[in-house]
Amino acid sequence: MFNEDEVPLELIKPVSIGKGEGAVQYTEITLREPNAGELEKAARADTNVGSLITMISLIAKIPRSAVEKFSRADLQAAEAVLGSFTGGGQATPTAGDD
């Protein structure tokens, strides 16, 4: 069971970290709207993909090395889920708005 503010995402290609009996396999992650601290940490990355990998790792609470093994399709699906949280938000005021 998950919170209504969270979105489970089943990975098309599960990823494994580690070897032998200690290996951990990720078949599904849970995403939610990022908070300000997570956005700030992700913004430190040198590339957009690096920022996305960091964001997924922080929000899903899985090692960055696991996210680095995501297929392109899984990375795009996670990006779409994260992008869906910005659709209904409050408009950001800009200079000149009253």
N, C-alpha and C. Protein backbone atom coordinates (compact mmCIF):
# COMPACT_ATOMS: atom_id res chain seq x y z
N MET A 1 0.84 -1.17 0.00
CA MET A 1 0.00 0.00 0.00
C MET A 1 0.88 1.24 0.00
N PHE A 2 0.45 2.29 -0.70
CA PHE A 2 1.25 3.50 -0.79
C PHE A 2 0.39 4.73 -0.58
N ASN A 3 1.04 5.82 -0.27
CA ASN A 3 0.42 7.11 -0.07
C ASN A 3 -0.12 7.59 -1.41
N GLU A 4 -1.23 8.33 -1.41
CA GLU A 4 -1.79 8.82 -2.67
C GLU A 4 -0.88 9.84 -3.35
N ASP A 5 0.07 10.41 -2.63
CA ASP A 5 1.03 11.34 -3.20
C ASP A 5 2.24 10.62 -3.78
N GLU A 6 2.24 9.31 -3.72
CA GLU A 6 3.34 8.50 -4.24
C GLU A 6 2.86 7.70 -5.44
N VAL A 7 3.78 7.49 -6.36
CA VAL A 7 3.46 6.75 -7.58
C VAL A 7 4.43 5.57 -7.72
N PRO A 8 3.91 4.34 -7.66
CA PRO A 8 4.79 3.19 -7.88
C PRO A 8 5.09 3.07 -9.38
N LEU A 9 6.33 2.70 -9.69
CA LEU A 9 6.74 2.54 -11.07
C LEU A 9 7.46 1.21 -11.21
N GLU A 10 6.84 0.30 -11.96
CA GLU A 10 7.46 -1.00 -12.20
C GLU A 10 8.51 -0.84 -13.29
N LEU A 11 9.71 -1.32 -13.02
CA LEU A 11 10.79 -1.21 -13.99
C LEU A 11 10.62 -2.23 -15.11
N ILE A 12 10.84 -1.80 -16.33
CA ILE A 12 10.76 -2.69 -17.48
C ILE A 12 11.90 -3.70 -17.42
N LYS A 13 13.08 -3.20 -17.05
CA LYS A 13 14.27 -4.05 -16.91
C LYS A 13 14.78 -3.91 -15.48
N PRO A 14 14.46 -4.87 -14.61
CA PRO A 14 14.95 -4.81 -13.23
C PRO A 14 16.48 -4.70 -13.19
N VAL A 15 16.99 -4.05 -12.16
CA VAL A 15 18.44 -3.91 -12.00
C VAL A 15 18.88 -4.55 -10.70
N SER A 16 20.10 -5.06 -10.70
CA SER A 16 20.67 -5.69 -9.51
C SER A 16 21.94 -4.97 -9.10
N ILE A 17 22.13 -4.88 -7.80
CA ILE A 17 23.34 -4.30 -7.23
C ILE A 17 23.94 -5.35 -6.30
N GLY A 18 25.23 -5.56 -6.42
CA GLY A 18 25.90 -6.55 -5.58
C GLY A 18 25.96 -7.90 -6.27
N LYS A 19 26.57 -8.84 -5.56
CA LYS A 19 26.75 -10.18 -6.13
C LYS A 19 26.38 -11.25 -5.11
N GLY A 20 26.05 -12.40 -5.62
CA GLY A 20 25.77 -13.55 -4.76
C GLY A 20 24.53 -13.34 -3.91
N GLU A 21 24.59 -13.89 -2.69
CA GLU A 21 23.44 -13.81 -1.80
C GLU A 21 23.17 -12.40 -1.30
N GLY A 22 24.17 -11.54 -1.38
CA GLY A 22 24.00 -10.16 -0.93
C GLY A 22 23.45 -9.23 -1.98
N ALA A 23 23.19 -9.74 -3.18
CA ALA A 23 22.68 -8.90 -4.26
C ALA A 23 21.27 -8.41 -3.95
N VAL A 24 21.01 -7.17 -4.35
CA VAL A 24 19.69 -6.57 -4.18
C VAL A 24 19.14 -6.28 -5.56
N GLN A 25 17.92 -6.74 -5.82
CA GLN A 25 17.30 -6.51 -7.11
C GLN A 25 16.16 -5.51 -6.95
N TYR A 26 16.13 -4.54 -7.84
CA TYR A 26 15.07 -3.53 -7.85
C TYR A 26 14.17 -3.81 -9.05
N THR A 27 12.90 -4.08 -8.76
CA THR A 27 11.92 -4.33 -9.81
C THR A 27 10.88 -3.22 -9.88
N GLU A 28 10.81 -2.42 -8.81
CA GLU A 28 9.83 -1.35 -8.73
C GLU A 28 10.40 -0.26 -7.82
N ILE A 29 10.08 1.00 -8.15
CA ILE A 29 10.45 2.11 -7.29
C ILE A 29 9.19 2.91 -6.99
N THR A 30 9.24 3.71 -5.96
CA THR A 30 8.13 4.59 -5.63
C THR A 30 8.63 6.02 -5.70
N LEU A 31 7.92 6.83 -6.47
CA LEU A 31 8.29 8.23 -6.65
C LEU A 31 7.23 9.15 -6.07
N ARG A 32 7.64 10.34 -5.70
CA ARG A 32 6.74 11.37 -5.18
C ARG A 32 7.30 12.71 -5.61
N GLU A 33 6.56 13.76 -5.31
CA GLU A 33 7.04 15.09 -5.65
C GLU A 33 8.32 15.39 -4.87
N PRO A 34 9.35 15.89 -5.54
CA PRO A 34 10.59 16.20 -4.83
C PRO A 34 10.42 17.41 -3.92
N ASN A 35 11.17 17.41 -2.81
CA ASN A 35 11.15 18.59 -1.94
C ASN A 35 12.29 19.52 -2.35
N ALA A 36 12.35 20.69 -1.73
CA ALA A 36 13.33 21.70 -2.11
C ALA A 36 14.77 21.20 -1.94
N GLY A 37 15.03 20.48 -0.88
CA GLY A 37 16.38 19.97 -0.64
C GLY A 37 16.81 18.98 -1.71
N GLU A 38 15.89 18.12 -2.12
CA GLU A 38 16.20 17.15 -3.18
C GLU A 38 16.45 17.86 -4.50
N LEU A 39 15.65 18.89 -4.79
CA LEU A 39 15.86 19.66 -6.01
C LEU A 39 17.23 20.33 -6.00
N GLU A 40 17.60 20.87 -4.86
CA GLU A 40 18.88 21.56 -4.73
C GLU A 40 20.04 20.58 -4.92
N LYS A 41 19.96 19.41 -4.32
CA LYS A 41 21.02 18.40 -4.46
C LYS A 41 21.12 17.93 -5.91
N ALA A 42 19.99 17.72 -6.55
CA ALA A 42 20.00 17.26 -7.94
C ALA A 42 20.55 18.33 -8.88
N ALA A 43 20.32 19.58 -8.55
CA ALA A 43 20.78 20.68 -9.40
C ALA A 43 22.30 20.79 -9.42
N ARG A 44 22.98 20.17 -8.48
CA ARG A 44 24.45 20.22 -8.43
C ARG A 44 25.11 19.35 -9.50
N ALA A 45 24.34 18.46 -10.11
CA ALA A 45 24.89 17.56 -11.13
C ALA A 45 25.36 18.36 -12.34
N ASP A 46 26.32 17.82 -13.06
CA ASP A 46 26.89 18.49 -14.22
C ASP A 46 26.01 18.40 -15.48
N THR A 47 25.13 17.40 -15.53
CA THR A 47 24.29 17.20 -16.71
C THR A 47 22.83 17.01 -16.30
N ASN A 48 21.93 17.14 -17.27
CA ASN A 48 20.51 16.91 -16.99
C ASN A 48 20.26 15.46 -16.59
N VAL A 49 20.94 14.53 -17.25
CA VAL A 49 20.78 13.12 -16.92
C VAL A 49 21.30 12.85 -15.51
N GLY A 50 22.44 13.45 -15.18
CA GLY A 50 22.99 13.30 -13.84
C GLY A 50 22.05 13.84 -12.78
N SER A 51 21.41 14.96 -13.08
CA SER A 51 20.43 15.54 -12.17
C SER A 51 19.25 14.60 -11.98
N LEU A 52 18.77 14.01 -13.07
CA LEU A 52 17.65 13.08 -13.00
C LEU A 52 18.02 11.83 -12.20
N ILE A 53 19.21 11.30 -12.43
CA ILE A 53 19.67 10.11 -11.69
C ILE A 53 19.71 10.41 -10.20
N THR A 54 20.28 11.57 -9.85
CA THR A 54 20.35 11.95 -8.44
C THR A 54 18.96 12.09 -7.84
N MET A 55 18.06 12.74 -8.56
CA MET A 55 16.69 12.96 -8.07
C MET A 55 15.98 11.63 -7.82
N ILE A 56 16.07 10.72 -8.76
CA ILE A 56 15.43 9.41 -8.60
C ILE A 56 16.01 8.67 -7.41
N SER A 57 17.32 8.69 -7.28
CA SER A 57 17.98 8.01 -6.17
C SER A 57 17.51 8.56 -4.82
N LEU A 58 17.45 9.89 -4.71
CA LEU A 58 17.02 10.51 -3.45
C LEU A 58 15.56 10.21 -3.12
N ILE A 59 14.70 10.33 -4.11
CA ILE A 59 13.27 10.16 -3.87
C ILE A 59 12.90 8.70 -3.65
N ALA A 60 13.44 7.81 -4.48
CA ALA A 60 13.11 6.39 -4.37
C ALA A 60 13.88 5.69 -3.25
N LYS A 61 14.87 6.41 -2.70
CA LYS A 61 15.70 5.86 -1.61
C LYS A 61 16.40 4.57 -2.03
N ILE A 62 17.02 4.65 -3.20
CA ILE A 62 17.83 3.53 -3.69
C ILE A 62 19.20 4.08 -4.05
N PRO A 63 20.23 3.24 -4.07
CA PRO A 63 21.57 3.73 -4.39
C PRO A 63 21.64 4.34 -5.80
N ARG A 64 22.44 5.38 -5.92
CA ARG A 64 22.63 6.02 -7.22
C ARG A 64 23.14 5.02 -8.23
N SER A 65 23.98 4.09 -7.78
CA SER A 65 24.53 3.07 -8.69
C SER A 65 23.43 2.20 -9.29
N ALA A 66 22.33 2.01 -8.58
CA ALA A 66 21.20 1.25 -9.12
C ALA A 66 20.51 2.05 -10.22
N VAL A 67 20.29 3.33 -9.97
CA VAL A 67 19.62 4.18 -10.96
C VAL A 67 20.49 4.30 -12.21
N GLU A 68 21.80 4.32 -12.04
CA GLU A 68 22.70 4.41 -13.18
C GLU A 68 22.57 3.21 -14.11
N LYS A 69 22.01 2.12 -13.62
CA LYS A 69 21.81 0.91 -14.44
C LYS A 69 20.42 0.87 -15.09
N PHE A 70 19.57 1.85 -14.83
CA PHE A 70 18.24 1.87 -15.43
C PHE A 70 18.35 1.89 -16.95
N SER A 71 17.43 1.23 -17.61
CA SER A 71 17.35 1.31 -19.08
C SER A 71 16.86 2.71 -19.45
N ARG A 72 17.05 3.06 -20.69
CA ARG A 72 16.58 4.36 -21.17
C ARG A 72 15.07 4.50 -20.96
N ALA A 73 14.33 3.44 -21.24
CA ALA A 73 12.88 3.48 -21.10
C ALA A 73 12.47 3.70 -19.64
N ASP A 74 13.16 3.03 -18.70
CA ASP A 74 12.84 3.20 -17.29
C ASP A 74 13.19 4.61 -16.81
N LEU A 75 14.30 5.15 -17.30
CA LEU A 75 14.70 6.49 -16.94
C LEU A 75 13.68 7.51 -17.46
N GLN A 76 13.22 7.31 -18.68
CA GLN A 76 12.21 8.20 -19.27
C GLN A 76 10.87 8.09 -18.53
N ALA A 77 10.49 6.89 -18.13
CA ALA A 77 9.24 6.71 -17.39
C ALA A 77 9.31 7.42 -16.04
N ALA A 78 10.44 7.29 -15.36
CA ALA A 78 10.61 7.96 -14.07
C ALA A 78 10.59 9.47 -14.25
N GLU A 79 11.22 9.95 -15.30
CA GLU A 79 11.22 11.40 -15.58
C GLU A 79 9.80 11.89 -15.83
N ALA A 80 9.00 11.11 -16.55
CA ALA A 80 7.61 11.48 -16.82
C ALA A 80 6.80 11.56 -15.53
N VAL A 81 7.01 10.60 -14.64
CA VAL A 81 6.30 10.61 -13.35
C VAL A 81 6.70 11.85 -12.56
N LEU A 82 7.99 12.12 -12.47
CA LEU A 82 8.45 13.30 -11.73
C LEU A 82 7.92 14.58 -12.36
N GLY A 83 7.88 14.64 -13.67
CA GLY A 83 7.35 15.81 -14.37
C GLY A 83 5.86 16.02 -14.15
N SER A 84 5.15 14.94 -13.86
CA SER A 84 3.70 15.05 -13.66
C SER A 84 3.36 15.82 -12.39
N PHE A 85 4.29 15.92 -11.46
CA PHE A 85 4.01 16.63 -10.22
C PHE A 85 4.01 18.14 -10.40
N THR A 86 4.54 18.65 -11.49
CA THR A 86 4.61 20.09 -11.69
C THR A 86 3.40 20.64 -12.43
N GLY A 87 2.57 19.79 -12.99
CA GLY A 87 1.44 20.23 -13.81
C GLY A 87 0.40 21.06 -13.10
N GLY A 88 0.05 20.72 -11.87
CA GLY A 88 -1.04 21.42 -11.19
C GLY A 88 -0.58 22.39 -10.14
N GLY A 89 0.69 22.74 -10.17
CA GLY A 89 1.23 23.60 -9.12
C GLY A 89 0.83 25.05 -9.27
N GLN A 90 1.21 25.81 -8.28
CA GLN A 90 0.93 27.24 -8.26
C GLN A 90 1.86 27.94 -9.23
N ALA A 91 1.35 28.95 -9.91
CA ALA A 91 2.16 29.70 -10.86
C ALA A 91 3.26 30.44 -10.10
N THR A 92 4.44 30.50 -10.71
CA THR A 92 5.56 31.21 -10.10
C THR A 92 5.52 32.65 -10.56
N PRO A 93 5.47 33.60 -9.63
CA PRO A 93 5.45 35.01 -10.03
C PRO A 93 6.76 35.43 -10.70
N THR A 94 6.67 36.29 -11.68
CA THR A 94 7.86 36.80 -12.34
C THR A 94 7.90 38.31 -12.18
N ALA A 95 9.03 38.91 -12.49
CA ALA A 95 9.16 40.35 -12.37
C ALA A 95 8.08 41.04 -13.21
N GLY A 96 7.43 42.01 -12.63
CA GLY A 96 6.38 42.72 -13.35
C GLY A 96 4.99 42.20 -13.08
N ASP A 97 4.85 41.01 -12.45
CA ASP A 97 3.53 40.48 -12.11
C ASP A 97 3.02 41.19 -10.86
N ASP A 98 1.81 41.59 -10.88
CA ASP A 98 1.22 42.22 -9.69
C ASP A 98 0.01 41.47 -9.23
